[in-house]
Amino acid sequence: MRKFVKPLIAVLAGMAMSLGLQAVGVEPLYAKLAGLAVVAVVITVFWRRSAGI
């Protein structure tokens, strides 16, 4: 169960970013792309921390 927490946090952060940008008035496509970028960054940060790099 613990192995699903970090990816879930990454996805929730991306969704929050996307919804926040859409609420401000950014085009939905660009907001979703920014959300995907946030997911990629958060997963990368978690992966590097767990690898000890």
N, C-alpha and C. Protein backbone atom coordinates (compact mmCIF):
# COMPACT_ATOMS: atom_id res chain seq x y z
N MET A 1 0.82 -1.19 0.00
CA MET A 1 0.00 0.00 0.00
C MET A 1 0.86 1.26 0.00
N ARG A 2 1.99 1.23 0.70
CA ARG A 2 2.84 2.42 0.78
C ARG A 2 3.45 2.78 -0.56
N LYS A 3 3.63 1.79 -1.46
CA LYS A 3 4.25 2.10 -2.74
C LYS A 3 3.33 2.91 -3.65
N PHE A 4 2.05 2.98 -3.31
CA PHE A 4 1.10 3.76 -4.12
C PHE A 4 0.92 5.19 -3.62
N VAL A 5 1.48 5.51 -2.47
CA VAL A 5 1.27 6.84 -1.88
C VAL A 5 1.99 7.91 -2.69
N LYS A 6 3.25 7.69 -3.03
CA LYS A 6 4.03 8.71 -3.75
C LYS A 6 3.46 8.99 -5.14
N PRO A 7 3.12 7.98 -5.94
CA PRO A 7 2.49 8.30 -7.23
C PRO A 7 1.14 8.99 -7.07
N LEU A 8 0.39 8.63 -6.04
CA LEU A 8 -0.89 9.28 -5.79
C LEU A 8 -0.69 10.76 -5.45
N ILE A 9 0.32 11.06 -4.64
CA ILE A 9 0.63 12.45 -4.32
C ILE A 9 1.00 13.20 -5.59
N ALA A 10 1.78 12.58 -6.47
CA ALA A 10 2.19 13.23 -7.71
C ALA A 10 0.99 13.54 -8.60
N VAL A 11 0.09 12.58 -8.72
CA VAL A 11 -1.10 12.78 -9.56
C VAL A 11 -2.00 13.85 -8.97
N LEU A 12 -2.19 13.84 -7.67
CA LEU A 12 -3.02 14.87 -7.03
C LEU A 12 -2.41 16.25 -7.19
N ALA A 13 -1.08 16.36 -7.11
CA ALA A 13 -0.43 17.66 -7.31
C ALA A 13 -0.64 18.14 -8.74
N GLY A 14 -0.53 17.23 -9.70
CA GLY A 14 -0.76 17.60 -11.10
C GLY A 14 -2.20 18.02 -11.36
N MET A 15 -3.14 17.32 -10.75
CA MET A 15 -4.54 17.69 -10.92
C MET A 15 -4.84 19.03 -10.29
N ALA A 16 -4.26 19.28 -9.13
CA ALA A 16 -4.46 20.57 -8.47
C ALA A 16 -3.89 21.70 -9.31
N MET A 17 -2.73 21.47 -9.89
CA MET A 17 -2.11 22.48 -10.75
C MET A 17 -2.99 22.76 -11.96
N SER A 18 -3.47 21.71 -12.59
CA SER A 18 -4.30 21.84 -13.78
C SER A 18 -5.61 22.57 -13.46
N LEU A 19 -6.27 22.17 -12.39
CA LEU A 19 -7.53 22.82 -12.02
C LEU A 19 -7.31 24.27 -11.59
N GLY A 20 -6.22 24.52 -10.91
CA GLY A 20 -5.91 25.89 -10.50
C GLY A 20 -5.66 26.80 -11.68
N LEU A 21 -4.92 26.30 -12.65
CA LEU A 21 -4.66 27.11 -13.85
C LEU A 21 -5.93 27.34 -14.66
N GLN A 22 -6.78 26.33 -14.73
CA GLN A 22 -8.05 26.49 -15.46
C GLN A 22 -8.95 27.49 -14.75
N ALA A 23 -8.92 27.51 -13.43
CA ALA A 23 -9.74 28.46 -12.67
C ALA A 23 -9.28 29.89 -12.90
N VAL A 24 -7.98 30.06 -13.13
CA VAL A 24 -7.43 31.39 -13.36
C VAL A 24 -7.75 31.87 -14.78
N GLY A 25 -8.00 30.93 -15.69
CA GLY A 25 -8.36 31.32 -17.05
C GLY A 25 -7.40 30.83 -18.12
N VAL A 26 -6.50 29.94 -17.78
CA VAL A 26 -5.57 29.38 -18.76
C VAL A 26 -6.32 28.36 -19.61
N GLU A 27 -5.95 28.27 -20.88
CA GLU A 27 -6.56 27.29 -21.78
C GLU A 27 -6.47 25.89 -21.17
N PRO A 28 -7.51 25.08 -21.28
CA PRO A 28 -7.49 23.75 -20.67
C PRO A 28 -6.34 22.86 -21.16
N LEU A 29 -6.00 22.94 -22.44
CA LEU A 29 -4.91 22.10 -22.95
C LEU A 29 -3.59 22.46 -22.27
N TYR A 30 -3.28 23.75 -22.17
CA TYR A 30 -2.03 24.17 -21.54
C TYR A 30 -2.03 23.86 -20.05
N ALA A 31 -3.18 23.97 -19.43
CA ALA A 31 -3.27 23.65 -18.00
C ALA A 31 -3.02 22.16 -17.78
N LYS A 32 -3.56 21.34 -18.64
CA LYS A 32 -3.35 19.89 -18.51
C LYS A 32 -1.89 19.52 -18.78
N LEU A 33 -1.26 20.17 -19.75
CA LEU A 33 0.16 19.91 -20.03
C LEU A 33 1.02 20.34 -18.84
N ALA A 34 0.68 21.47 -18.23
CA ALA A 34 1.42 21.90 -17.04
C ALA A 34 1.21 20.90 -15.90
N GLY A 35 0.01 20.37 -15.77
CA GLY A 35 -0.26 19.36 -14.75
C GLY A 35 0.56 18.10 -14.97
N LEU A 36 0.68 17.69 -16.22
CA LEU A 36 1.52 16.52 -16.53
C LEU A 36 2.98 16.79 -16.22
N ALA A 37 3.43 18.00 -16.48
CA ALA A 37 4.81 18.36 -16.16
C ALA A 37 5.05 18.30 -14.66
N VAL A 38 4.08 18.75 -13.89
CA VAL A 38 4.20 18.70 -12.42
C VAL A 38 4.27 17.25 -11.96
N VAL A 39 3.45 16.39 -12.53
CA VAL A 39 3.48 14.96 -12.18
C VAL A 39 4.86 14.38 -12.47
N ALA A 40 5.42 14.69 -13.63
CA ALA A 40 6.74 14.18 -13.99
C ALA A 40 7.82 14.68 -13.03
N VAL A 41 7.76 15.95 -12.66
CA VAL A 41 8.75 16.51 -11.75
C VAL A 41 8.64 15.88 -10.37
N VAL A 42 7.43 15.74 -9.86
CA VAL A 42 7.25 15.17 -8.52
C VAL A 42 7.70 13.72 -8.49
N ILE A 43 7.38 12.95 -9.51
CA ILE A 43 7.82 11.55 -9.55
C ILE A 43 9.34 11.47 -9.63
N THR A 44 9.95 12.37 -10.41
CA THR A 44 11.41 12.40 -10.52
C THR A 44 12.05 12.74 -9.17
N VAL A 45 11.50 13.71 -8.47
CA VAL A 45 12.04 14.09 -7.16
C VAL A 45 11.92 12.93 -6.18
N PHE A 46 10.76 12.27 -6.15
CA PHE A 46 10.60 11.12 -5.25
C PHE A 46 11.54 9.99 -5.63
N TRP A 47 11.74 9.76 -6.93
CA TRP A 47 12.61 8.68 -7.38
C TRP A 47 14.05 8.96 -6.98
N ARG A 48 14.48 10.21 -7.17
CA ARG A 48 15.87 10.54 -6.82
C ARG A 48 16.10 10.45 -5.31
N ARG A 49 15.11 10.83 -4.52
CA ARG A 49 15.25 10.74 -3.07
C ARG A 49 15.34 9.29 -2.62
N SER A 50 14.52 8.44 -3.22
CA SER A 50 14.52 7.04 -2.80
C SER A 50 15.77 6.31 -3.28
N ALA A 51 16.36 6.80 -4.39
CA ALA A 51 17.59 6.19 -4.91
C ALA A 51 18.81 6.70 -4.17
N GLY A 52 18.66 7.81 -3.45
CA GLY A 52 19.79 8.35 -2.70
C GLY A 52 20.75 9.14 -3.55
N ILE A 53 20.28 9.64 -4.67
CA ILE A 53 21.15 10.42 -5.58
C ILE A 53 21.30 11.83 -5.05
